[in-house]
Amino acid sequence: MSIRKKLVLSYIAMIVIPLVLFGCSIALFISLSGGGFTDGRHTGGSWSSQDGPPWAVRGGSAAAGDERFAALAEQAKADPAKLDSGDWQREADRQLAENDALLVVAKQGKALYMSPELQQVQGGVADMLAQQPQDGAASASATSIELGGRMYAVDSVNVSFADRTAGAIYRLAETNDASRFFHRFIPFMLLTLLAVLALTNGLLTYAVSRSIIRPLQALQRAAGQIKEGNLDQAVRLGRKDEIGALGDAFEEMRGRLQESVRLRDQYETNRKELLANVSHDLKTPIMAIKGCVEGIRDGVADTEEKRERYLAMIASKADEMDRQIDELFLFSKLDLRRLPFTFAKVDLVRYLRDYTEELELDASRRGVTVAFENAAPGGEEGALLVNADGEKLQRALANVAANSLKYMHRADGRITVRLEERGGEAIVSIRDNGPGIEQAALPHIFERFYRAEQSRNTQTGGSGLGLAIVRQIVAEHGGRVWAESEQGAGTTIYVALPTAAAEEETV
């Protein structure tokens, strides 16, 4: 899941979960308080006398108030003298106030005592009393009236005073929805809402931030390791979101940095080997040339025959140095991609037939026979076209053949050049019956400066760049090169080039 979806869902949860928990908390509070909202019925412009308006909160507290008011009424009936007692009136008012109710004691339709809260609405109380029957009957009734902008549920009991004067006592319980609701529930609602919001937002924020911060910390640690030069610590976040994509990109970057460092170290090693090998390969012929020169100068070559032999050796070593420098220069340009290639369509059947004829002239002087086998479709009259630079390709084939001739020490030496087509590739194989190559050395023969014969004797090995140049030239043609060998049976070098038809289909 993406971080964007996580954030959207967390925002929705921060709204929905607090509302659900808040509603459940309010319902639980009302249930535990033993009360509920009555469904008073409105008829004829007034609420039913027994239920009151629908917002009137009734329940355990109201029931207790009813019992307390009934007990006070019984006391007044049993001892009418208490009705005129101020102490009894204040005590009765206090007891009713515990249940959020007010007291009015009326005598002959006039208020004898009323709760202090009703002092400011005496006119309304007087109107209420004027509407009540004053027959002195002992009865109880309930109604609803409005005093001072507040709605009250009124319970009354008719009583008789000590002087047998008719009167009544009234209990007024406020049923105004706003005041009672705000008075009883708003503090609880606010505290509950704050607690639910804090808990929900805290948990969701912690969960979401933890899912983001932990992988970022892992990336930070990995970056610190890279800064210290340690590129071996892999970053595996295992996520499918944006941070996971960042971790994958970071891991790819680390891998590429590690590879670049490895290549840098390899290049440095190659550079050192290059200096050592070039120094060794050039120093040997130079030493031979210096020895011949000193021999001529010191009069050691005191005959014409010796002088000719010394001069021939100087010329041979100079040619050897020239070849080595030429190969080194060519390989450097190939390695730096500074050698231009001119590609054209080349018929390999005719090209290889001409090449083997030239190779046979040089090989015959060494007693080696050369043969060409054409296994390409169409036979001798057919054509197999490739896009190639004829000059560079000839140099690659010449290096392979020169390598075969250099190690050929058999009287019946033989080199076979074969052409065939497989899977959209023209495959040229150059096979000899020489001594072969050890299997341990076979994977390395195309590496620069590598020699299967490690003594670096120029009589048994060249500069070590010949086959490396072959690989570079073939790679520039979009091809591949490999070798097969069996000791005592010979070596085969394969050069595979994409055919012109296969390249056109690819494009």
Protein backbone atom coordinates (compact mmCIF):
# COMPACT_ATOMS: atom_id res chain seq x y z
CA MET A 1 0.00 0.00 0.00
CA SER A 2 1.32 3.41 -0.95
CA ILE A 3 2.10 6.07 1.65
CA ARG A 4 -0.53 8.30 0.09
CA LYS A 5 -3.23 5.67 0.68
CA LYS A 6 -1.98 5.10 4.21
CA LEU A 7 -2.19 8.81 4.99
CA VAL A 8 -5.68 9.11 3.47
CA LEU A 9 -6.91 6.11 5.44
CA SER A 10 -5.34 7.42 8.63
CA TYR A 11 -7.04 10.80 8.15
CA ILE A 12 -10.38 9.07 7.60
CA ALA A 13 -9.79 6.91 10.66
CA MET A 14 -8.92 10.00 12.72
CA ILE A 15 -12.42 11.28 11.94
CA VAL A 16 -14.52 8.12 11.96
CA ILE A 17 -13.01 6.33 14.96
CA PRO A 18 -13.35 9.31 17.38
CA LEU A 19 -16.97 9.81 16.27
CA VAL A 20 -17.81 6.14 16.82
CA LEU A 21 -16.04 5.97 20.17
CA PHE A 22 -17.57 9.29 21.22
CA GLY A 23 -21.07 8.05 20.38
CA CYS A 24 -20.49 4.79 22.23
CA SER A 25 -19.18 6.70 25.25
CA ILE A 26 -22.25 8.96 25.37
CA ALA A 27 -24.59 5.99 25.04
CA LEU A 28 -22.71 4.16 27.76
CA PHE A 29 -22.81 7.21 30.03
CA ILE A 30 -26.56 7.61 29.60
CA SER A 31 -27.07 3.91 30.18
CA LEU A 32 -24.95 3.88 33.34
CA SER A 33 -26.65 7.02 34.66
CA GLY A 34 -29.91 5.11 34.58
CA GLY A 35 -31.70 7.73 32.48
CA GLY A 36 -32.81 8.32 28.99
CA PHE A 37 -34.73 10.73 26.88
CA THR A 38 -38.46 10.50 27.30
CA ASP A 39 -40.61 10.63 24.24
CA GLY A 40 -43.14 13.14 25.52
CA ARG A 41 -46.11 13.69 23.28
CA HIS A 42 -47.22 17.10 22.22
CA THR A 43 -50.95 17.54 21.99
CA GLY A 44 -52.88 20.73 21.63
CA GLY A 45 -49.87 23.00 22.09
CA SER A 46 -48.72 21.44 25.39
CA TRP A 47 -46.86 18.37 26.46
CA SER A 48 -48.55 15.49 28.22
CA SER A 49 -48.65 16.12 31.93
CA GLN A 50 -46.99 12.83 32.80
CA ASP A 51 -44.07 12.72 30.39
CA GLY A 52 -43.17 16.34 29.73
CA PRO A 53 -41.34 17.46 26.58
CA PRO A 54 -39.14 15.00 24.68
CA TRP A 55 -35.93 16.67 25.80
CA ALA A 56 -36.80 16.29 29.48
CA VAL A 57 -34.23 14.07 31.10
CA ARG A 58 -35.96 11.62 33.32
CA GLY A 59 -34.64 8.61 35.14
CA GLY A 60 -33.09 7.58 38.41
CA SER A 61 -32.60 11.16 39.61
CA ALA A 62 -36.20 12.12 38.80
CA ALA A 63 -37.55 9.03 40.55
CA ALA A 64 -35.58 9.85 43.67
CA GLY A 65 -36.93 13.39 43.54
CA ASP A 66 -40.49 12.07 43.30
CA GLU A 67 -39.97 9.92 46.40
CA ARG A 68 -38.43 12.79 48.33
CA PHE A 69 -41.26 15.16 47.35
CA ALA A 70 -43.84 12.54 48.34
CA ALA A 71 -42.14 12.16 51.72
CA LEU A 72 -42.20 15.94 52.28
CA ALA A 73 -45.89 16.01 51.35
CA GLU A 74 -46.61 13.27 53.87
CA GLN A 75 -44.75 15.23 56.55
CA ALA A 76 -46.84 18.35 55.76
CA LYS A 77 -50.06 16.41 55.91
CA ALA A 78 -49.11 14.71 59.14
CA ASP A 79 -47.99 17.95 60.81
CA PRO A 80 -49.60 20.98 59.07
CA ALA A 81 -47.78 23.32 61.46
CA LYS A 82 -44.51 22.64 59.58
CA LEU A 83 -45.89 24.44 56.55
CA ASP A 84 -45.58 27.77 58.36
CA SER A 85 -42.11 26.95 59.71
CA GLY A 86 -39.27 28.69 57.91
CA ASP A 87 -36.79 26.04 59.05
CA TRP A 88 -38.90 23.26 57.55
CA GLN A 89 -39.38 25.23 54.34
CA ARG A 90 -35.61 25.82 53.91
CA GLU A 91 -34.81 22.19 54.77
CA ALA A 92 -37.39 20.94 52.28
CA ASP A 93 -35.94 23.30 49.64
CA ARG A 94 -32.44 21.97 50.32
CA GLN A 95 -33.58 18.37 49.99
CA LEU A 96 -35.30 19.06 46.66
CA ALA A 97 -32.26 20.99 45.41
CA GLU A 98 -30.23 17.79 45.72
CA ASN A 99 -32.36 16.50 42.86
CA ASP A 100 -32.19 19.76 40.88
CA ALA A 101 -35.71 20.79 41.88
CA LEU A 102 -37.21 24.00 43.33
CA LEU A 103 -39.87 24.44 46.04
CA VAL A 104 -42.94 26.66 46.24
CA VAL A 105 -45.27 26.67 49.30
CA ALA A 106 -48.57 28.40 48.53
CA LYS A 107 -51.38 29.42 50.91
CA GLN A 108 -54.72 30.45 49.51
CA GLY A 109 -53.25 30.92 46.05
CA LYS A 110 -50.33 33.08 47.18
CA ALA A 111 -46.70 32.08 47.54
CA LEU A 112 -45.76 31.70 51.17
CA TYR A 113 -42.25 30.44 50.31
CA MET A 114 -40.33 29.96 47.08
CA SER A 115 -36.76 28.90 46.27
CA PRO A 116 -34.32 31.80 45.85
CA GLU A 117 -33.93 30.98 42.12
CA LEU A 118 -37.60 31.83 41.61
CA GLN A 119 -37.43 35.25 43.27
CA GLN A 120 -36.80 36.96 39.95
CA VAL A 121 -39.84 35.35 38.32
CA GLN A 122 -42.38 35.93 41.09
CA GLY A 123 -44.96 37.13 38.58
CA GLY A 124 -44.77 33.86 36.70
CA VAL A 125 -45.08 31.91 39.92
CA ALA A 126 -48.15 33.95 40.84
CA ASP A 127 -49.74 33.19 37.46
CA MET A 128 -48.99 29.50 37.97
CA LEU A 129 -50.64 29.57 41.39
CA ALA A 130 -53.66 31.43 40.07
CA GLN A 131 -54.29 28.60 37.61
CA GLN A 132 -54.22 25.92 40.29
CA PRO A 133 -57.51 24.80 42.02
CA GLN A 134 -57.79 25.93 45.65
CA ASP A 135 -60.41 23.47 46.90
CA GLY A 136 -58.21 22.07 49.64
CA ALA A 137 -58.47 18.55 48.35
CA ALA A 138 -55.48 16.39 48.89
CA SER A 139 -54.42 15.50 45.38
CA ALA A 140 -51.30 15.36 43.22
CA SER A 141 -50.90 16.55 39.67
CA ALA A 142 -48.17 17.37 37.18
CA THR A 143 -47.94 19.93 34.43
CA SER A 144 -45.33 21.96 32.58
CA ILE A 145 -44.90 25.72 32.68
CA GLU A 146 -42.41 28.29 31.44
CA LEU A 147 -40.83 30.68 33.90
CA GLY A 148 -38.19 33.20 32.92
CA GLY A 149 -37.54 31.51 29.61
CA ARG A 150 -37.03 28.10 31.21
CA MET A 151 -39.32 25.11 31.09
CA TYR A 152 -40.26 23.42 34.36
CA ALA A 153 -42.13 20.22 35.10
CA VAL A 154 -44.47 21.00 38.02
CA ASP A 155 -45.64 18.46 40.59
CA SER A 156 -48.12 19.67 43.25
CA VAL A 157 -49.81 18.31 46.33
CA ASN A 158 -52.76 20.08 48.01
CA VAL A 159 -52.39 20.43 51.76
CA SER A 160 -54.16 22.15 54.68
CA PHE A 161 -52.36 24.48 57.05
CA ALA A 162 -52.73 24.33 60.83
CA ASP A 163 -55.47 26.98 60.71
CA ARG A 164 -57.32 24.79 58.17
CA THR A 165 -56.48 27.19 55.37
CA ALA A 166 -56.16 25.50 51.94
CA GLY A 167 -52.79 25.49 50.32
CA ALA A 168 -50.36 23.45 48.24
CA ILE A 169 -46.71 22.64 47.90
CA TYR A 170 -45.08 22.58 44.46
CA ARG A 171 -41.93 20.96 43.12
CA LEU A 172 -40.50 22.57 39.96
CA ALA A 173 -37.95 20.44 38.05
CA GLU A 174 -36.29 22.22 35.16
CA THR A 175 -36.77 20.40 31.84
CA ASN A 176 -35.22 22.99 29.52
CA ASP A 177 -33.15 20.94 27.06
CA ALA A 178 -30.25 23.36 26.71
CA SER A 179 -29.60 24.12 30.35
CA ARG A 180 -30.03 20.56 31.65
CA PHE A 181 -28.09 19.03 28.78
CA PHE A 182 -25.23 21.49 29.08
CA HIS A 183 -25.24 21.21 32.82
CA ARG A 184 -25.06 17.43 32.96
CA PHE A 185 -23.45 16.20 29.80
CA ILE A 186 -21.27 18.86 28.18
CA PRO A 187 -18.31 18.46 30.60
CA PHE A 188 -18.38 14.73 30.11
CA MET A 189 -18.74 15.11 26.35
CA LEU A 190 -15.79 17.49 26.13
CA LEU A 191 -13.55 15.31 28.24
CA THR A 192 -14.58 12.19 26.33
CA LEU A 193 -14.06 13.86 22.97
CA LEU A 194 -10.63 15.15 23.93
CA ALA A 195 -9.60 11.75 25.30
CA VAL A 196 -10.83 9.91 22.20
CA LEU A 197 -9.18 12.38 19.83
CA ALA A 198 -5.88 12.26 21.72
CA LEU A 199 -5.89 8.46 21.93
CA THR A 200 -6.93 7.87 18.31
CA ASN A 201 -4.66 10.49 16.78
CA GLY A 202 -1.78 9.43 18.99
CA LEU A 203 -2.05 5.74 18.06
CA LEU A 204 -2.59 6.40 14.35
CA THR A 205 0.19 8.96 14.20
CA TYR A 206 2.55 6.57 15.97
CA ALA A 207 1.64 3.68 13.65
CA VAL A 208 1.94 5.71 10.44
CA SER A 209 5.08 7.58 11.48
CA ARG A 210 6.70 4.34 12.67
CA SER A 211 6.04 2.73 9.28
CA ILE A 212 7.77 5.71 7.64
CA ILE A 213 10.53 6.57 10.09
CA ARG A 214 11.93 3.05 10.59
CA PRO A 215 12.80 2.44 6.92
CA LEU A 216 14.17 5.97 6.64
CA GLN A 217 16.40 5.26 9.61
CA ALA A 218 17.60 2.09 7.88
CA LEU A 219 18.41 4.13 4.78
CA GLN A 220 20.20 6.69 6.94
CA ARG A 221 22.34 3.96 8.52
CA ALA A 222 23.13 2.53 5.10
CA ALA A 223 24.08 5.99 3.82
CA GLY A 224 26.38 6.38 6.82
CA GLN A 225 28.04 3.06 6.00
CA ILE A 226 28.54 4.15 2.39
CA LYS A 227 30.02 7.46 3.60
CA GLU A 228 32.53 5.47 5.65
CA GLY A 229 33.40 3.41 2.57
CA ASN A 230 31.53 0.24 3.52
CA LEU A 231 29.56 -0.85 0.46
CA ASP A 232 28.78 -4.38 1.66
CA GLN A 233 25.72 -3.61 3.80
CA ALA A 234 22.67 -4.42 1.69
CA VAL A 235 19.40 -2.49 2.08
CA ARG A 236 16.36 -4.80 2.05
CA LEU A 237 13.23 -2.92 3.14
CA GLY A 238 10.75 -5.42 1.70
CA ARG A 239 8.07 -2.77 1.08
CA LYS A 240 5.80 -2.08 -1.90
CA ASP A 241 5.28 1.65 -1.35
CA GLU A 242 7.24 4.77 -2.26
CA ILE A 243 9.80 4.15 0.49
CA GLY A 244 10.23 0.60 -0.81
CA ALA A 245 10.91 2.02 -4.29
CA LEU A 246 13.39 4.44 -2.72
CA GLY A 247 15.07 1.53 -0.92
CA ASP A 248 15.29 -0.47 -4.18
CA ALA A 249 16.83 2.53 -5.95
CA PHE A 250 19.23 3.01 -3.02
CA GLU A 251 20.21 -0.67 -3.17
CA GLU A 252 20.75 -0.44 -6.93
CA MET A 253 22.90 2.65 -6.37
CA ARG A 254 24.90 0.81 -3.69
CA GLY A 255 25.40 -2.14 -6.03
CA ARG A 256 26.57 0.13 -8.83
CA LEU A 257 28.91 1.98 -6.51
CA GLN A 258 30.30 -1.32 -5.30
CA GLU A 259 30.78 -2.46 -8.88
CA SER A 260 32.42 0.84 -9.83
CA VAL A 261 34.80 0.53 -6.89
CA ARG A 262 35.58 -3.03 -7.92
CA LEU A 263 36.20 -1.90 -11.50
CA ARG A 264 38.32 0.98 -10.28
CA ASP A 265 40.43 -1.40 -8.23
CA GLN A 266 40.60 -3.76 -11.18
CA TYR A 267 41.65 -0.95 -13.49
CA GLU A 268 44.31 0.10 -11.01
CA THR A 269 45.56 -3.47 -10.85
CA ASN A 270 45.50 -3.69 -14.64
CA ARG A 271 47.37 -0.41 -14.89
CA LYS A 272 50.09 -1.69 -12.61
CA GLU A 273 50.23 -4.97 -14.52
CA LEU A 274 50.32 -3.02 -17.78
CA LEU A 275 53.32 -1.01 -16.62
CA ALA A 276 55.06 -4.11 -15.37
CA ASN A 277 54.31 -6.17 -18.48
CA VAL A 278 55.16 -3.42 -20.95
CA SER A 279 58.35 -2.68 -19.05
CA HIS A 280 59.31 -6.35 -19.12
CA ASP A 281 58.31 -6.97 -22.72
CA LEU A 282 60.14 -3.89 -23.99
CA LYS A 283 63.15 -4.25 -21.76
CA THR A 284 64.00 -7.72 -23.06
CA PRO A 285 64.46 -6.73 -26.74
CA ILE A 286 66.12 -3.46 -25.72
CA MET A 287 68.67 -5.38 -23.68
CA ALA A 288 69.30 -7.66 -26.66
CA ILE A 289 69.73 -4.64 -28.97
CA LYS A 290 72.12 -3.00 -26.51
CA GLY A 291 74.12 -6.21 -26.25
CA CYS A 292 74.47 -6.44 -30.02
CA VAL A 293 75.45 -2.79 -30.30
CA GLU A 294 78.07 -3.15 -27.58
CA GLY A 295 79.38 -6.27 -29.28
CA ILE A 296 79.80 -4.43 -32.55
CA ARG A 297 81.33 -1.41 -30.83
CA ASP A 298 83.78 -3.48 -28.76
CA GLY A 299 84.92 -5.42 -31.80
CA VAL A 300 83.39 -8.73 -30.72
CA ALA A 301 81.75 -8.92 -34.15
CA ASP A 302 85.11 -8.98 -35.85
CA THR A 303 83.94 -10.73 -38.98
CA GLU A 304 81.40 -9.76 -41.62
CA GLU A 305 79.34 -12.83 -40.79
CA LYS A 306 79.10 -11.90 -37.09
CA ARG A 307 78.24 -8.33 -37.89
CA GLU A 308 75.43 -9.46 -40.19
CA ARG A 309 74.13 -11.80 -37.46
CA TYR A 310 74.21 -9.00 -34.88
CA LEU A 311 72.48 -6.58 -37.24
CA ALA A 312 69.83 -9.16 -38.05
CA MET A 313 69.19 -9.65 -34.34
CA ILE A 314 68.89 -5.88 -33.85
CA ALA A 315 66.38 -5.67 -36.71
CA SER A 316 64.40 -8.64 -35.33
CA LYS A 317 64.18 -7.15 -31.84
CA ALA A 318 63.23 -3.75 -33.25
CA ASP A 319 60.40 -5.40 -35.25
CA GLU A 320 59.29 -7.21 -32.12
CA MET A 321 59.17 -3.96 -30.17
CA ASP A 322 57.29 -2.30 -33.01
CA ARG A 323 54.66 -5.08 -33.00
CA GLN A 324 54.24 -4.86 -29.25
CA ILE A 325 53.85 -1.09 -29.33
CA ASP A 326 51.42 -1.39 -32.26
CA GLU A 327 49.29 -3.92 -30.39
CA LEU A 328 49.37 -1.87 -27.22
CA PHE A 329 48.34 1.27 -29.13
CA LEU A 330 45.55 -0.59 -30.93
CA PHE A 331 44.21 -2.12 -27.73
CA SER A 332 44.26 1.25 -25.95
CA LYS A 333 42.22 2.86 -28.74
CA LEU A 334 39.76 -0.05 -28.72
CA ASP A 335 39.46 0.10 -24.94
CA LEU A 336 38.81 3.85 -25.04
CA ARG A 337 36.44 3.47 -28.03
CA ARG A 338 38.55 5.89 -30.05
CA LEU A 339 39.10 3.59 -33.02
CA PRO A 340 36.57 4.37 -35.79
CA PHE A 341 34.73 1.46 -37.45
CA THR A 342 33.37 1.59 -41.00
CA PHE A 343 30.64 -1.01 -41.38
CA ALA A 344 29.43 -2.40 -44.68
CA LYS A 345 27.74 -5.56 -45.89
CA VAL A 346 30.37 -8.28 -46.27
CA ASP A 347 29.85 -11.71 -47.87
CA LEU A 348 31.66 -13.97 -45.41
CA VAL A 349 31.85 -16.87 -47.88
CA ARG A 350 33.97 -14.90 -50.35
CA TYR A 351 35.73 -12.96 -47.56
CA LEU A 352 36.92 -16.09 -45.72
CA ARG A 353 37.91 -17.85 -48.94
CA ASP A 354 40.20 -14.92 -49.81
CA TYR A 355 41.49 -14.76 -46.23
CA THR A 356 42.41 -18.46 -46.10
CA GLU A 357 44.29 -18.13 -49.38
CA GLU A 358 46.43 -15.35 -47.87
CA LEU A 359 46.86 -17.29 -44.63
CA GLU A 360 47.97 -20.38 -46.55
CA LEU A 361 50.91 -18.48 -48.08
CA ASP A 362 52.28 -17.62 -44.63
CA ALA A 363 51.43 -20.98 -43.03
CA SER A 364 53.01 -23.04 -45.84
CA ARG A 365 56.39 -21.59 -45.01
CA ARG A 366 56.02 -23.14 -41.54
CA GLY A 367 54.82 -26.45 -42.86
CA VAL A 368 51.20 -25.89 -41.81
CA THR A 369 48.28 -26.58 -44.13
CA VAL A 370 45.17 -24.38 -44.21
CA ALA A 371 41.67 -25.42 -45.31
CA PHE A 372 38.34 -23.63 -45.64
CA GLU A 373 35.01 -25.38 -45.01
CA ASN A 374 31.75 -23.69 -45.98
CA ALA A 375 28.76 -25.12 -44.13
CA ALA A 376 26.58 -22.04 -44.63
CA PRO A 377 23.20 -22.38 -46.42
CA GLY A 378 23.55 -22.19 -50.18
CA GLY A 379 26.88 -23.99 -50.37
CA GLU A 380 29.75 -22.66 -52.42
CA GLU A 381 27.51 -20.52 -54.61
CA GLY A 382 25.58 -19.01 -51.71
CA ALA A 383 26.29 -15.84 -49.76
CA LEU A 384 26.18 -15.08 -46.04
CA LEU A 385 26.06 -11.36 -45.37
CA VAL A 386 27.11 -9.58 -42.19
CA ASN A 387 27.63 -5.91 -41.31
CA ALA A 388 31.35 -5.66 -40.64
CA ASP A 389 34.46 -3.54 -40.94
CA GLY A 390 36.53 -5.76 -43.25
CA GLU A 391 39.90 -4.38 -42.13
CA LYS A 392 39.21 -4.72 -38.39
CA LEU A 393 37.68 -8.18 -38.86
CA GLN A 394 40.76 -9.32 -40.78
CA ARG A 395 42.94 -8.10 -37.90
CA ALA A 396 40.87 -10.20 -35.44
CA LEU A 397 41.10 -13.34 -37.61
CA ALA A 398 44.82 -12.73 -38.17
CA ASN A 399 45.44 -12.55 -34.42
CA VAL A 400 43.63 -15.87 -33.92
CA ALA A 401 45.58 -17.54 -36.74
CA ALA A 402 48.89 -16.05 -35.52
CA ASN A 403 48.20 -17.47 -32.08
CA SER A 404 47.62 -20.92 -33.61
CA LEU A 405 50.79 -20.74 -35.71
CA LYS A 406 52.92 -19.54 -32.81
CA TYR A 407 52.16 -22.62 -30.71
CA MET A 408 52.18 -25.10 -33.62
CA HIS A 409 55.13 -27.50 -33.23
CA ARG A 410 53.85 -30.52 -35.19
CA ALA A 411 55.15 -31.63 -38.54
CA ASP A 412 51.58 -32.21 -39.75
CA GLY A 413 50.23 -28.90 -38.49
CA ARG A 414 46.79 -28.02 -39.76
CA ILE A 415 44.45 -25.00 -39.46
CA THR A 416 40.81 -25.27 -40.56
CA VAL A 417 38.59 -22.24 -41.07
CA ARG A 418 34.88 -23.17 -41.04
CA LEU A 419 31.78 -21.06 -41.67
CA GLU A 420 28.22 -21.96 -40.67
CA GLU A 421 24.96 -20.23 -39.71
CA ARG A 422 22.97 -20.92 -36.55
CA GLY A 423 20.14 -18.92 -34.96
CA GLY A 424 20.70 -15.73 -36.96
CA GLU A 425 24.46 -15.79 -36.37
CA ALA A 426 27.33 -16.40 -38.73
CA ILE A 427 29.82 -18.53 -36.81
CA VAL A 428 33.44 -18.60 -37.92
CA SER A 429 35.60 -21.23 -36.24
CA ILE A 430 39.38 -21.47 -36.53
CA ARG A 431 40.56 -24.90 -35.43
CA ASP A 432 44.15 -26.13 -35.11
CA ASN A 433 45.72 -29.41 -34.06
CA GLY A 434 48.28 -27.81 -31.79
CA PRO A 435 49.12 -28.65 -28.15
CA GLY A 436 45.86 -27.23 -26.78
CA ILE A 437 45.23 -25.12 -23.69
CA GLU A 438 44.78 -26.23 -20.09
CA GLN A 439 41.14 -26.08 -18.95
CA ALA A 440 42.09 -23.85 -15.98
CA ALA A 441 43.59 -21.27 -18.35
CA LEU A 442 40.85 -21.45 -21.01
CA PRO A 443 38.42 -18.91 -19.42
CA HIS A 444 41.21 -16.28 -19.19
CA ILE A 445 42.80 -16.36 -22.65
CA PHE A 446 40.76 -13.33 -23.85
CA GLU A 447 41.89 -11.18 -20.92
CA ARG A 448 44.50 -8.48 -21.50
CA PHE A 449 48.14 -9.48 -20.89
CA TYR A 450 47.13 -13.03 -20.01
CA ARG A 451 49.40 -15.82 -21.19
CA ALA A 452 48.74 -19.49 -20.74
CA GLU A 453 52.54 -19.79 -20.66
CA GLN A 454 53.44 -17.55 -17.72
CA SER A 455 57.16 -17.11 -18.33
CA ARG A 456 56.52 -14.26 -20.79
CA ASN A 457 59.12 -15.78 -23.13
CA THR A 458 58.62 -14.13 -26.52
CA GLN A 459 59.63 -17.35 -28.21
CA THR A 460 56.59 -19.15 -26.80
CA GLY A 461 54.19 -16.26 -26.25
CA GLY A 462 53.37 -12.79 -27.45
CA SER A 463 52.36 -9.64 -25.63
CA GLY A 464 49.21 -11.16 -24.20
CA LEU A 465 47.06 -8.64 -26.10
CA GLY A 466 46.28 -10.59 -29.28
CA LEU A 467 43.13 -12.40 -28.16
CA ALA A 468 42.05 -9.42 -26.01
CA ILE A 469 42.09 -7.35 -29.22
CA VAL A 470 40.02 -10.06 -30.92
CA ARG A 471 37.38 -9.85 -28.21
CA GLN A 472 37.24 -6.03 -28.43
CA ILE A 473 36.86 -6.03 -32.23
CA VAL A 474 34.17 -8.74 -32.18
CA ALA A 475 32.29 -6.89 -29.42
CA GLU A 476 32.27 -3.73 -31.56
CA HIS A 477 30.57 -5.83 -34.27
CA GLY A 478 27.87 -6.87 -31.79
CA GLY A 479 29.20 -10.43 -31.73
CA ARG A 480 30.76 -12.81 -29.26
CA VAL A 481 33.88 -14.96 -29.06
CA TRP A 482 34.74 -18.11 -27.12
CA ALA A 483 37.17 -21.01 -27.19
CA GLU A 484 37.19 -24.78 -26.84
CA SER A 485 40.34 -26.78 -26.34
CA GLU A 486 41.63 -30.22 -25.51
CA GLN A 487 45.23 -30.71 -24.53
CA GLY A 488 47.13 -32.68 -27.15
CA ALA A 489 44.24 -32.41 -29.66
CA GLY A 490 44.11 -28.69 -30.46
CA THR A 491 42.16 -25.50 -29.91
CA THR A 492 39.12 -23.98 -31.63
CA ILE A 493 38.33 -20.26 -31.47
CA TYR A 494 34.74 -19.30 -32.35
CA VAL A 495 33.69 -15.88 -33.62
CA ALA A 496 29.89 -15.33 -33.88
CA LEU A 497 28.57 -12.31 -35.76
CA PRO A 498 24.89 -11.38 -36.27
CA THR A 499 23.83 -11.81 -39.89
CA ALA A 500 22.62 -8.78 -41.82
CA ALA A 501 19.14 -10.33 -42.19
CA ALA A 502 18.89 -10.89 -38.41
CA GLU A 503 19.95 -7.29 -37.71
CA GLU A 504 17.35 -5.94 -40.13
CA GLU A 505 14.62 -8.00 -38.44
CA THR A 506 15.69 -6.65 -35.05
CA VAL A 507 15.53 -3.05 -36.27
